[in-house]
Amino acid sequence: MTHPFRFGWQAFNAENAADWRDKARRAEALGYSSFMLADHYIGPGPALAATFHPVQGIAAVPAIAVAAEATSTIKVGGRVMCIDYRNPAVLIKEMATLDFFSEGRLELGLGAGWLQGEYEAMGVNWDPAGTRVSRLEDVVQMAKLLMGDGEVDFVGRDGTGVRAVGFEGLPKTVQRPHPPIMIGGGSKRVLSLAGREAQIVSFNFDNSSGKIGPGVPTSDADATDQKVAWVRDAAGDRFDSLELEIGAYFTFVTDQGQATAEAMAPRMGLTVDQMLNHPHALIGSVDTICDELERRRERYGISYVTVGDTAADAFAPVVARLAGR
């Protein structure tokens, strides 16, 4: 099954409240399918600098609520919410409430967490990767239960701390049985979980280093073939119903695509051809990018592409040409 193209706008910051509302409305007007945030909290300083991660100036949950209130049709959500930054039952209630107030426009993004320096700076316990992924598995199951009907009695496996016992989840989500779940990551175990349990699979780098950078050269075209295969194997008969999403973190709409790739490739540890073909990069003219997206959908099945704030306006002609096709 070939899914039609959808495009997400991922924002990190706003100059003020009006600017944030305007961004959300512009994304909706330009035909983007979703307006999303990441889920990060620490501001500028040595802790963040060591991770090489950009600053996210606003918190995800209230920002999603404001974006939903400012718009009427676009999907909203976190890409993806870190399950370790809140008690899981609190996180699930917050997400259900966002779906309730947006009248069914939430995409429920969930991830195991990966930015080690942020955990340490905020005093959040940095468990081994296996424990964090087990917790993600438990949170996904608990979310489905709490967003369903009836009293819940769920205790996750030892060490995950996931628990909801003796109560019913409220509010009830508008989308039934629950909002579409997006699970994001780059490891075999996380992507296999997404294949089994999610509606949207979000491909990311291998972020096992706990910082940005090392995972870029190891997330090239061939590695993405392997990631899709992991999802396919885990999903079985449900694979064709899954929507495959990717963040195009290196998006440059330009008539100087070759020169741009030549300048970027050495910094990323890639050849120029690898940079131009990198699944997380879109570099070139509108025509070139449209052709490349069609090629990648044919190769990987990826039909949902998210671009960042700085590229979203320039990328709008691509959205206008391909959205829904």
Protein backbone atom coordinates (compact mmCIF):
# COMPACT_ATOMS: atom_id res chain seq x y z
CA MET A 1 0.00 0.00 0.00
CA THR A 2 1.37 3.41 -0.99
CA HIS A 3 0.40 6.10 1.47
CA PRO A 4 -0.19 9.66 0.25
CA PHE A 5 2.39 12.24 1.22
CA ARG A 6 1.98 14.14 4.47
CA PHE A 7 4.29 16.83 5.81
CA GLY A 8 5.01 17.99 9.33
CA TRP A 9 6.35 21.33 10.60
CA GLN A 10 8.50 20.92 13.71
CA ALA A 11 9.05 24.08 15.77
CA PHE A 12 11.39 24.74 18.67
CA ASN A 13 10.97 28.37 19.65
CA ALA A 14 8.80 31.46 19.45
CA GLU A 15 9.58 35.14 19.82
CA ASN A 16 6.34 35.66 21.72
CA ALA A 17 2.84 34.22 22.05
CA ALA A 18 1.60 35.87 18.85
CA ASP A 19 4.55 34.50 16.88
CA TRP A 20 3.81 30.98 18.10
CA ARG A 21 0.14 31.19 17.13
CA ASP A 22 1.10 32.66 13.75
CA LYS A 23 3.49 29.77 13.05
CA ALA A 24 0.80 27.21 13.79
CA ARG A 25 -1.74 29.03 11.60
CA ARG A 26 0.79 29.41 8.79
CA ALA A 27 1.60 25.70 8.90
CA GLU A 28 -2.12 24.94 8.60
CA ALA A 29 -2.62 27.45 5.77
CA LEU A 30 0.37 26.11 3.82
CA GLY A 31 -1.00 22.58 3.84
CA TYR A 32 1.22 20.96 6.43
CA SER A 33 -0.48 17.98 8.03
CA SER A 34 1.00 18.44 11.51
CA PHE A 35 2.56 21.06 13.75
CA MET A 36 4.89 19.38 16.21
CA LEU A 37 7.47 20.03 18.90
CA ALA A 38 10.25 17.96 20.35
CA ASP A 39 10.25 17.40 24.13
CA HIS A 40 13.30 19.18 25.56
CA TYR A 41 13.75 21.51 28.51
CA ILE A 42 17.20 22.81 29.34
CA GLY A 43 18.32 26.20 28.09
CA PRO A 44 21.71 27.46 26.91
CA GLY A 45 24.74 26.47 28.94
CA PRO A 46 27.49 23.88 29.14
CA ALA A 47 25.06 21.00 29.77
CA LEU A 48 23.24 21.56 26.49
CA ALA A 49 26.37 22.55 24.56
CA ALA A 50 27.92 19.17 25.33
CA THR A 51 25.00 17.42 23.61
CA PHE A 52 25.16 19.55 20.42
CA HIS A 53 21.36 19.85 20.61
CA PRO A 54 19.61 23.11 19.69
CA VAL A 55 17.77 25.08 22.34
CA GLN A 56 14.04 24.48 22.67
CA GLY A 57 12.76 27.57 24.39
CA ILE A 58 9.22 26.46 25.23
CA ALA A 59 7.74 23.42 26.94
CA ALA A 60 5.93 20.95 24.74
CA VAL A 61 2.59 20.37 26.50
CA PRO A 62 1.40 23.98 26.92
CA ALA A 63 2.80 24.90 23.52
CA ILE A 64 0.82 22.08 21.89
CA ALA A 65 -2.32 23.31 23.65
CA VAL A 66 -1.82 26.88 22.41
CA ALA A 67 -1.16 25.66 18.86
CA ALA A 68 -4.32 23.56 18.94
CA GLU A 69 -6.36 26.52 20.17
CA ALA A 70 -4.97 28.73 17.39
CA THR A 71 -5.87 26.27 14.60
CA SER A 72 -8.78 24.14 13.51
CA THR A 73 -7.65 21.28 11.27
CA ILE A 74 -3.92 20.61 11.56
CA LYS A 75 -2.67 17.72 13.70
CA VAL A 76 -0.65 18.67 16.79
CA GLY A 77 1.67 16.77 19.09
CA GLY A 78 5.15 16.01 20.32
CA ARG A 79 7.70 14.40 18.06
CA VAL A 80 8.24 12.60 20.33
CA MET A 81 7.39 12.91 24.04
CA CYS A 82 10.09 11.52 26.33
CA ILE A 83 8.46 8.97 28.63
CA ASP A 84 11.01 9.63 31.39
CA TYR A 85 10.36 13.33 31.93
CA ARG A 86 6.98 12.82 33.64
CA ASN A 87 5.26 10.13 35.61
CA PRO A 88 3.79 7.91 32.86
CA ALA A 89 0.22 8.21 34.13
CA VAL A 90 0.59 12.00 34.17
CA LEU A 91 1.97 12.00 30.63
CA ILE A 92 -0.89 9.86 29.33
CA LYS A 93 -3.51 12.07 31.01
CA GLU A 94 -1.88 15.18 29.54
CA MET A 95 -1.94 13.62 26.08
CA ALA A 96 -5.58 12.53 26.45
CA THR A 97 -6.45 16.06 27.53
CA LEU A 98 -4.75 17.51 24.47
CA ASP A 99 -6.75 15.20 22.23
CA PHE A 100 -9.92 16.20 24.13
CA PHE A 101 -9.35 19.95 23.77
CA SER A 102 -8.08 19.75 20.16
CA GLU A 103 -11.24 17.79 19.27
CA GLY A 104 -9.31 14.78 18.03
CA ARG A 105 -6.21 16.30 16.44
CA LEU A 106 -3.45 14.79 18.58
CA GLU A 107 -0.72 12.54 17.21
CA LEU A 108 0.60 10.68 20.25
CA GLY A 109 4.36 10.59 19.82
CA LEU A 110 6.33 8.51 22.34
CA GLY A 111 10.03 7.80 22.69
CA ALA A 112 12.41 6.14 25.14
CA GLY A 113 14.57 9.24 25.67
CA TRP A 114 18.11 9.67 24.46
CA LEU A 115 19.71 13.02 25.39
CA GLN A 116 21.86 11.93 28.31
CA GLY A 117 23.16 15.38 29.20
CA GLU A 118 19.64 16.74 29.56
CA TYR A 119 18.66 13.89 31.88
CA GLU A 120 21.70 14.56 34.06
CA ALA A 121 21.22 18.34 34.07
CA MET A 122 17.63 17.97 35.27
CA GLY A 123 18.29 15.20 37.77
CA VAL A 124 16.35 12.56 35.85
CA ASN A 125 17.72 9.07 36.33
CA TRP A 126 19.61 7.86 33.23
CA ASP A 127 18.82 4.16 33.07
CA PRO A 128 20.52 1.76 30.66
CA ALA A 129 19.03 1.70 27.16
CA GLY A 130 17.40 -1.68 27.72
CA THR A 131 15.53 -0.41 30.76
CA ARG A 132 14.38 2.74 28.98
CA VAL A 133 13.06 0.74 26.03
CA SER A 134 11.29 -1.69 28.37
CA ARG A 135 9.67 1.34 30.01
CA LEU A 136 8.57 2.60 26.59
CA GLU A 137 6.97 -0.78 25.86
CA ASP A 138 5.08 -0.61 29.15
CA VAL A 139 3.99 3.00 28.63
CA VAL A 140 2.57 2.20 25.18
CA GLN A 141 0.51 -0.62 26.66
CA MET A 142 -0.65 1.51 29.57
CA ALA A 143 -1.60 4.37 27.26
CA LYS A 144 -3.88 2.08 25.29
CA LEU A 145 -5.52 0.88 28.49
CA LEU A 146 -5.96 4.32 30.09
CA MET A 147 -7.35 5.78 26.88
CA GLY A 148 -9.79 2.90 26.62
CA ASP A 149 -12.81 2.11 28.73
CA GLY A 150 -13.05 0.77 32.24
CA GLU A 151 -10.89 0.57 35.32
CA VAL A 152 -7.21 -0.15 34.76
CA ASP A 153 -4.95 -2.47 36.76
CA PHE A 154 -1.57 -2.40 35.05
CA VAL A 155 1.88 -2.85 36.55
CA GLY A 156 4.87 -2.81 34.24
CA ARG A 157 7.85 -5.07 34.53
CA ASP A 158 10.41 -4.69 37.31
CA GLY A 159 12.53 -1.58 37.03
CA THR A 160 10.29 0.44 34.73
CA GLY A 161 8.14 2.12 37.38
CA VAL A 162 5.09 2.08 35.10
CA ARG A 163 1.93 1.65 37.12
CA ALA A 164 -1.80 2.43 36.89
CA VAL A 165 -3.87 0.48 39.42
CA GLY A 166 -7.47 0.83 40.49
CA PHE A 167 -8.69 3.77 38.44
CA GLU A 168 -10.17 4.69 35.07
CA GLY A 169 -8.37 6.96 32.66
CA LEU A 170 -9.93 10.36 31.97
CA PRO A 171 -10.68 12.32 29.89
CA LYS A 172 -11.78 10.00 27.13
CA THR A 173 -10.02 10.78 23.89
CA VAL A 174 -12.03 11.97 20.92
CA GLN A 175 -10.08 9.60 18.68
CA ARG A 176 -11.04 6.03 19.49
CA PRO A 177 -9.76 3.73 20.72
CA HIS A 178 -6.86 6.20 21.13
CA PRO A 179 -5.04 8.84 19.07
CA PRO A 180 -2.65 7.49 16.44
CA ILE A 181 0.52 6.45 18.24
CA MET A 182 3.86 7.49 16.77
CA ILE A 183 6.88 5.65 18.15
CA GLY A 184 10.23 7.17 17.27
CA GLY A 185 13.77 5.84 17.40
CA GLY A 186 16.64 4.28 15.51
CA SER A 187 17.39 0.97 17.21
CA LYS A 188 16.11 -2.45 16.20
CA ARG A 189 14.21 -2.95 19.44
CA VAL A 190 12.40 0.41 19.32
CA LEU A 191 11.54 0.12 15.64
CA SER A 192 10.31 -3.43 16.15
CA LEU A 193 8.06 -2.15 18.93
CA ALA A 194 6.78 0.51 16.56
CA GLY A 195 6.08 -2.13 13.95
CA ARG A 196 4.01 -4.13 16.42
CA GLU A 197 2.18 -1.36 18.28
CA ALA A 198 2.24 2.03 16.51
CA GLN A 199 0.25 3.56 13.71
CA ILE A 200 3.12 5.88 12.73
CA VAL A 201 6.78 4.79 12.75
CA SER A 202 9.22 7.68 13.12
CA PHE A 203 12.76 6.92 11.92
CA ASN A 204 15.58 8.66 13.74
CA PHE A 205 19.34 8.36 14.00
CA ASP A 206 21.03 5.78 16.16
CA ASN A 207 21.25 8.06 19.20
CA SER A 208 22.85 5.52 21.54
CA SER A 209 25.74 7.95 22.11
CA GLY A 210 23.38 10.22 24.04
CA LYS A 211 24.21 13.26 21.90
CA ILE A 212 23.76 14.57 18.37
CA GLY A 213 26.41 13.79 15.78
CA PRO A 214 27.72 10.21 15.89
CA GLY A 215 24.45 8.77 14.59
CA VAL A 216 24.35 10.83 11.38
CA PRO A 217 26.85 8.86 9.24
CA THR A 218 25.45 5.54 10.48
CA SER A 219 21.89 6.46 9.45
CA ASP A 220 22.51 6.57 5.71
CA ALA A 221 20.48 5.07 2.87
CA ASP A 222 21.57 1.47 3.44
CA ALA A 223 20.99 1.72 7.19
CA THR A 224 17.48 3.00 6.53
CA ASP A 225 16.79 -0.04 4.34
CA GLN A 226 17.70 -2.14 7.39
CA LYS A 227 15.48 -0.08 9.68
CA VAL A 228 12.50 -0.51 7.37
CA ALA A 229 13.19 -4.25 7.28
CA TRP A 230 13.11 -4.39 11.09
CA VAL A 231 9.72 -2.68 11.08
CA ARG A 232 8.41 -4.94 8.34
CA ASP A 233 9.51 -8.10 10.12
CA ALA A 234 7.92 -7.02 13.40
CA ALA A 235 4.71 -5.70 11.84
CA GLY A 236 3.87 -8.74 9.76
CA ASP A 237 0.46 -8.41 8.15
CA ARG A 238 -0.10 -4.93 9.56
CA PHE A 239 2.92 -3.40 7.78
CA ASP A 240 0.94 -1.96 4.87
CA SER A 241 -1.30 -0.05 7.28
CA LEU A 242 1.65 1.68 8.97
CA GLU A 243 2.63 5.22 8.08
CA LEU A 244 6.41 5.69 7.91
CA GLU A 245 7.72 9.10 8.97
CA ILE A 246 11.17 10.68 8.99
CA GLY A 247 12.66 13.97 10.09
CA ALA A 248 14.41 15.77 7.23
CA TYR A 249 16.77 17.58 9.60
CA PHE A 250 19.05 18.83 6.84
CA THR A 251 16.62 20.52 4.46
CA PHE A 252 17.87 23.20 2.09
CA VAL A 253 15.66 24.37 -0.77
CA THR A 254 18.24 25.82 -3.13
CA ASP A 255 19.38 25.91 -6.73
CA GLN A 256 22.90 25.29 -5.41
CA GLY A 257 22.29 21.80 -4.13
CA GLN A 258 25.64 20.35 -5.18
CA ALA A 259 27.61 23.17 -3.59
CA THR A 260 25.53 22.96 -0.42
CA ALA A 261 26.15 19.22 -0.14
CA GLU A 262 29.86 19.70 -0.80
CA ALA A 263 30.07 22.16 2.09
CA MET A 264 28.05 19.98 4.49
CA ALA A 265 29.35 16.49 3.76
CA PRO A 266 32.79 16.76 5.46
CA ARG A 267 31.20 18.12 8.64
CA MET A 268 28.87 15.10 8.77
CA GLY A 269 31.53 12.50 7.98
CA LEU A 270 29.88 11.72 4.65
CA THR A 271 30.74 11.83 0.97
CA VAL A 272 28.84 14.31 -1.19
CA ASP A 273 26.73 11.53 -2.72
CA GLN A 274 25.93 10.17 0.74
CA MET A 275 24.89 13.66 1.84
CA LEU A 276 22.60 14.15 -1.14
CA ASN A 277 21.02 10.71 -0.66
CA HIS A 278 20.88 10.77 3.12
CA PRO A 279 17.31 9.93 4.19
CA HIS A 280 17.38 12.73 6.78
CA ALA A 281 18.48 15.33 4.20
CA LEU A 282 16.65 17.10 1.38
CA ILE A 283 18.96 19.36 -0.60
CA GLY A 284 18.18 20.97 -3.94
CA SER A 285 15.51 22.76 -5.93
CA VAL A 286 11.81 22.17 -5.46
CA ASP A 287 11.80 19.91 -8.52
CA THR A 288 14.80 17.95 -7.27
CA ILE A 289 13.33 17.48 -3.80
CA CYS A 290 9.95 16.38 -5.16
CA ASP A 291 11.62 13.80 -7.38
CA GLU A 292 13.76 12.61 -4.47
CA LEU A 293 10.75 12.21 -2.18
CA GLU A 294 8.97 10.13 -4.81
CA ARG A 295 12.07 7.96 -5.17
CA ARG A 296 12.38 7.49 -1.42
CA ARG A 297 8.74 6.58 -1.04
CA GLU A 298 9.25 3.91 -3.66
CA ARG A 299 12.41 2.60 -1.95
CA TYR A 300 11.51 2.86 1.74
CA GLY A 301 7.76 3.43 1.88
CA ILE A 302 8.30 6.74 3.71
CA SER A 303 5.42 9.10 2.96
CA TYR A 304 5.38 11.39 6.01
CA VAL A 305 8.23 13.91 6.14
CA THR A 306 8.84 16.50 8.85
CA VAL A 307 10.96 19.62 8.37
CA GLY A 308 12.15 22.17 10.88
CA ASP A 309 11.21 25.77 11.47
CA THR A 310 14.07 27.26 9.49
CA ALA A 311 13.17 25.37 6.30
CA ALA A 312 9.37 25.20 6.57
CA ASP A 313 8.51 28.34 4.59
CA ALA A 314 10.96 27.58 1.78
CA PHE A 315 9.68 23.99 1.72
CA ALA A 316 6.05 25.08 1.26
CA PRO A 317 6.09 24.68 -2.57
CA VAL A 318 6.99 21.01 -2.07
CA VAL A 319 4.03 20.64 0.27
CA ALA A 320 1.75 22.36 -2.22
CA ARG A 321 2.85 20.00 -4.99
CA LEU A 322 2.91 16.67 -3.16
CA ALA A 323 0.61 16.76 -0.12
CA GLY A 324 -2.11 14.15 -0.51
CA ARG A 325 -0.57 12.59 -3.61
